[in-house]
Amino acid sequence: AEIIDENITVTNGVVHVINEVLLPPSAVVSVADYIADESREHITGNLTSLVEIAEYTDLFRFLEPLGPITIFAPTNEAFDKIRRVVDEGNQTAVQILLQYHVIQGIALSDDITDGLERMAGNAEM
């Protein structure tokens, strides 16, 4: 979006007029497209194992009909820790493992509890 009129001072802030409606990434791309998009290297560069395994198991095709979903996306380091435990040649077992990381519906981090730990800020979820 481009700012077409800027720095309009109002009583409780500033307004910038733009030429497009701003949409969150979730409104314009699917989970699969977001995770696999190489232009987000700073985020997705640490998710290459997830992308490879998702492609191997056809996870993204499985996710499409579920509607809104939340994914807990393991990092490359997380996958490295379990490579000795999981038989990557067993496509069904890997697919089941990945399904544990998907829940139907949108769950924002503030909505998640049950003892999961949030790394940023060291606060429990």
Protein backbone atom coordinates (compact mmCIF):
# COMPACT_ATOMS: atom_id res chain seq x y z
CA ALA A 1 0.00 0.00 0.00
CA GLU A 2 1.14 3.52 -0.72
CA ILE A 3 0.52 6.49 1.53
CA ILE A 4 -1.36 9.04 -0.56
CA ASP A 5 -1.93 11.62 2.18
CA GLU A 6 0.25 11.60 5.28
CA ASN A 7 0.64 12.99 8.75
CA ILE A 8 -2.91 14.21 9.20
CA THR A 9 -3.04 15.28 12.83
CA VAL A 10 -6.31 14.59 14.64
CA THR A 11 -7.27 15.05 18.27
CA ASN A 12 -6.30 11.52 19.31
CA GLY A 13 -3.51 10.60 16.89
CA VAL A 14 -2.31 10.71 13.31
CA VAL A 15 -3.95 9.45 10.12
CA HIS A 16 -2.17 8.29 6.97
CA VAL A 17 -4.46 7.73 3.97
CA ILE A 18 -3.47 4.68 1.92
CA ASN A 19 -4.57 3.36 -1.46
CA GLU A 20 -5.25 -0.26 -0.43
CA VAL A 21 -6.88 -2.18 2.38
CA LEU A 22 -4.28 -3.81 4.62
CA LEU A 23 -4.91 -7.50 5.17
CA PRO A 24 -3.17 -9.91 7.53
CA PRO A 25 -1.16 -12.66 5.80
CA SER A 26 -3.80 -15.18 6.82
CA ALA A 27 -6.34 -13.38 4.66
CA VAL A 28 -4.29 -13.63 1.48
CA VAL A 29 -2.23 -16.84 1.71
CA SER A 30 -2.77 -20.36 2.96
CA VAL A 31 -0.74 -21.94 5.74
CA ALA A 32 1.13 -24.00 3.15
CA ASP A 33 1.99 -20.97 1.05
CA TYR A 34 3.09 -18.96 4.08
CA ILE A 35 5.38 -21.67 5.46
CA ALA A 36 6.90 -22.54 2.08
CA ASP A 37 7.36 -18.94 0.86
CA GLU A 38 11.10 -18.38 0.49
CA SER A 39 10.67 -14.59 0.53
CA ARG A 40 10.06 -14.95 4.28
CA GLU A 41 13.51 -16.50 4.77
CA HIS A 42 13.94 -14.83 8.17
CA ILE A 43 10.96 -16.85 9.39
CA THR A 44 10.75 -19.86 7.13
CA GLY A 45 14.49 -20.54 6.84
CA ASN A 46 14.21 -22.36 10.13
CA LEU A 47 11.25 -24.39 8.85
CA THR A 48 12.81 -26.13 5.87
CA SER A 49 12.53 -29.55 7.55
CA LEU A 50 8.82 -28.96 8.11
CA VAL A 51 8.35 -28.00 4.46
CA GLU A 52 10.25 -31.07 3.24
CA ILE A 53 8.36 -33.44 5.53
CA ALA A 54 5.02 -31.78 4.72
CA GLU A 55 5.69 -32.28 1.02
CA TYR A 56 6.76 -35.90 1.62
CA THR A 57 3.57 -36.68 3.55
CA ASP A 58 1.30 -34.44 1.46
CA LEU A 59 0.34 -32.65 4.69
CA PHE A 60 -0.74 -29.42 3.03
CA ARG A 61 -3.30 -31.23 0.87
CA PHE A 62 -4.66 -32.86 4.03
CA LEU A 63 -4.99 -29.44 5.71
CA GLU A 64 -6.90 -27.59 2.99
CA PRO A 65 -10.39 -28.98 3.70
CA LEU A 66 -10.07 -28.41 7.46
CA GLY A 67 -10.87 -24.71 7.21
CA PRO A 68 -9.21 -22.36 9.67
CA ILE A 69 -6.34 -24.11 11.45
CA THR A 70 -3.50 -23.42 13.83
CA ILE A 71 -0.13 -25.06 13.25
CA PHE A 72 2.61 -25.50 15.80
CA ALA A 73 5.52 -25.42 13.35
CA PRO A 74 8.59 -27.30 14.65
CA THR A 75 11.92 -25.76 13.76
CA ASN A 76 14.70 -27.59 11.95
CA GLU A 77 16.42 -28.04 15.31
CA ALA A 78 13.30 -29.66 16.78
CA PHE A 79 13.14 -32.15 13.91
CA ASP A 80 16.86 -32.89 14.26
CA LYS A 81 16.28 -33.97 17.86
CA ILE A 82 13.83 -36.71 16.86
CA ARG A 83 15.37 -38.00 13.64
CA ARG A 84 16.79 -41.04 15.45
CA VAL A 85 13.41 -41.86 17.00
CA VAL A 86 11.09 -41.47 14.01
CA ASP A 87 11.32 -43.75 10.98
CA GLU A 88 11.21 -41.14 8.22
CA GLY A 89 10.66 -43.92 5.69
CA ASN A 90 7.29 -44.68 7.27
CA GLN A 91 5.16 -42.02 5.60
CA THR A 92 2.06 -42.86 7.66
CA ALA A 93 3.92 -42.56 10.98
CA VAL A 94 5.41 -39.21 9.98
CA GLN A 95 2.01 -37.95 8.83
CA ILE A 96 0.45 -38.91 12.17
CA LEU A 97 3.29 -37.15 13.99
CA LEU A 98 2.68 -33.97 12.00
CA GLN A 99 -1.05 -34.10 12.67
CA TYR A 100 -0.29 -33.68 16.38
CA HIS A 101 0.92 -30.18 15.45
CA VAL A 102 -2.36 -29.07 13.84
CA ILE A 103 -5.56 -28.01 15.54
CA GLN A 104 -8.75 -26.88 13.88
CA GLY A 105 -9.66 -23.27 14.47
CA ILE A 106 -7.58 -20.22 15.10
CA ALA A 107 -5.76 -20.25 18.42
CA LEU A 108 -3.72 -17.14 19.10
CA SER A 109 -0.83 -17.48 21.54
CA ASP A 110 -2.81 -15.72 24.28
CA ASP A 111 -5.52 -18.39 23.92
CA ILE A 112 -3.17 -21.34 24.44
CA THR A 113 -2.64 -22.88 27.85
CA ASP A 114 -1.95 -26.37 29.17
CA GLY A 115 1.64 -25.92 30.26
CA LEU A 116 3.19 -25.04 26.92
CA GLU A 117 6.07 -22.65 27.32
CA ARG A 118 6.47 -19.48 25.33
CA MET A 119 10.14 -18.92 24.50
CA ALA A 120 9.89 -15.18 23.88
CA GLY A 121 9.73 -13.50 27.23
CA ASN A 122 9.96 -16.82 29.10
CA ALA A 123 6.29 -16.61 30.07
CA GLU A 124 4.22 -19.76 30.38
CA MET A 125 1.31 -20.09 28.02
